[in-house]
Amino acid sequence: MAVLDINTENYQSAIVDNDQPAIIDFWATWCPHCKRIAPVYEKLAGEYEGSLTFGRVDADEVPALTEQFGVEYLPTFVVLDKDGKALDSVIAPAGKAALQEFINKNLGI
């Protein structure tokens, strides 16, 4: 499964109206940790295919969603239930194990 690029136009259909819980990566092109964690995030998208939607929001390009979720630091990952309600967030997880633990803790997947 590919990671979806989320913006204000497709947020409702891609995340809220989707039958699956979701995780959104708030990132920016200038963010070194964002670049380091991106391959891990993409790998996890494949591992959770069919049970979790993976999206990403460029914080500089989509400030409305960044503000909506109260994101102040990058990268921030926000996990949402299947109704699009934010459950929890984590800032700059250390790696794959930390991000996986965050997902499993919040969604029980």
Protein backbone atom coordinates (compact mmCIF):
# COMPACT_ATOMS: atom_id res chain seq x y z
CA MET A 1 0.00 0.00 0.00
CA ALA A 2 1.28 3.41 -0.85
CA VAL A 3 1.40 6.29 1.56
CA LEU A 4 -1.26 8.81 0.54
CA ASP A 5 -0.41 12.48 0.17
CA ILE A 6 -3.10 14.22 2.22
CA ASN A 7 -4.31 17.77 1.71
CA THR A 8 -7.43 19.74 2.59
CA GLU A 9 -9.19 18.58 -0.60
CA ASN A 10 -8.80 14.82 -0.06
CA TYR A 11 -8.63 14.58 3.75
CA GLN A 12 -12.34 13.80 4.17
CA SER A 13 -12.45 11.01 1.58
CA ALA A 14 -9.01 9.52 2.26
CA ILE A 15 -9.11 9.56 6.06
CA VAL A 16 -12.51 10.34 7.60
CA ASP A 17 -14.76 8.45 5.14
CA ASN A 18 -12.36 5.51 5.02
CA ASP A 19 -13.40 2.35 6.93
CA GLN A 20 -9.94 1.94 8.46
CA PRO A 21 -8.06 3.66 11.23
CA ALA A 22 -5.28 5.89 9.94
CA ILE A 23 -1.90 7.32 10.80
CA ILE A 24 -0.76 10.64 9.40
CA ASP A 25 2.86 11.76 9.17
CA PHE A 26 3.27 15.54 9.39
CA TRP A 27 6.61 16.32 7.76
CA ALA A 28 8.54 18.94 5.76
CA THR A 29 11.20 18.80 3.07
CA TRP A 30 13.71 20.71 5.24
CA CYS A 31 13.35 18.31 8.23
CA PRO A 32 16.30 15.87 8.55
CA HIS A 33 14.52 13.45 10.91
CA CYS A 34 11.52 13.43 8.55
CA LYS A 35 13.80 12.23 5.77
CA ARG A 36 15.34 9.53 7.99
CA ILE A 37 12.02 8.10 9.18
CA ALA A 38 10.24 8.24 5.78
CA PRO A 39 11.56 4.86 4.50
CA VAL A 40 10.50 3.22 7.78
CA TYR A 41 7.03 4.73 7.48
CA GLU A 42 6.70 3.50 3.89
CA LYS A 43 7.80 0.00 4.93
CA LEU A 44 5.22 -0.06 7.73
CA ALA A 45 2.54 1.00 5.23
CA GLY A 46 3.20 -2.24 3.37
CA GLU A 47 3.19 -4.31 6.56
CA TYR A 48 -0.15 -2.90 7.76
CA GLU A 49 -1.79 -2.97 4.33
CA GLY A 50 -5.49 -3.69 4.60
CA SER A 51 -5.78 -2.75 8.27
CA LEU A 52 -4.45 0.82 8.51
CA THR A 53 -4.36 3.80 6.15
CA PHE A 54 -1.05 5.66 5.97
CA GLY A 55 -1.05 9.30 4.96
CA ARG A 56 1.39 12.17 4.98
CA VAL A 57 0.88 15.91 5.21
CA ASP A 58 3.54 18.39 4.14
CA ALA A 59 3.24 20.84 7.04
CA ASP A 60 4.44 23.75 4.91
CA GLU A 61 2.05 23.02 2.04
CA VAL A 62 -1.04 22.20 4.12
CA PRO A 63 -0.96 24.50 7.16
CA ALA A 64 -4.71 24.15 7.79
CA LEU A 65 -4.42 20.44 8.65
CA THR A 66 -1.19 21.03 10.55
CA GLU A 67 -2.97 23.58 12.72
CA GLN A 68 -6.12 21.45 13.02
CA PHE A 69 -4.06 18.70 14.68
CA GLY A 70 -2.00 21.12 16.79
CA VAL A 71 1.28 20.01 15.25
CA GLU A 72 4.20 22.13 16.46
CA TYR A 73 7.21 19.84 15.87
CA LEU A 74 8.19 17.64 12.95
CA PRO A 75 7.87 14.85 12.29
CA THR A 76 4.68 14.28 14.23
CA PHE A 77 2.65 11.13 13.70
CA VAL A 78 -1.06 11.23 14.58
CA VAL A 79 -3.11 8.05 14.85
CA LEU A 80 -6.85 8.27 14.18
CA ASP A 81 -9.68 5.83 14.76
CA LYS A 82 -11.85 4.61 11.88
CA ASP A 83 -14.11 7.66 12.33
CA GLY A 84 -11.22 10.07 11.85
CA LYS A 85 -10.95 11.04 15.53
CA ALA A 86 -7.37 11.68 16.68
CA LEU A 87 -6.38 9.24 19.42
CA ASP A 88 -2.75 10.11 20.12
CA SER A 89 0.40 11.58 18.60
CA VAL A 90 4.13 11.01 18.83
CA ILE A 91 6.95 13.35 17.88
CA ALA A 92 10.07 12.04 16.14
CA PRO A 93 9.94 8.34 17.05
CA ALA A 94 13.38 6.74 17.28
CA GLY A 95 12.77 4.17 14.55
CA LYS A 96 10.61 1.34 13.28
CA ALA A 97 10.14 -0.38 16.64
CA ALA A 98 9.05 2.84 18.35
CA LEU A 99 6.59 3.72 15.58
CA GLN A 100 5.21 0.18 15.52
CA GLU A 101 4.78 0.22 19.30
CA PHE A 102 2.92 3.54 19.04
CA ILE A 103 0.55 2.11 16.42
CA ASN A 104 -0.07 -1.12 18.28
CA LYS A 105 -0.58 0.64 21.64
CA ASN A 106 -3.27 2.90 20.20
CA LEU A 107 -5.01 0.60 17.76
CA GLY A 108 -4.31 -2.90 19.07
CA ILE A 109 -3.27 -4.06 15.61
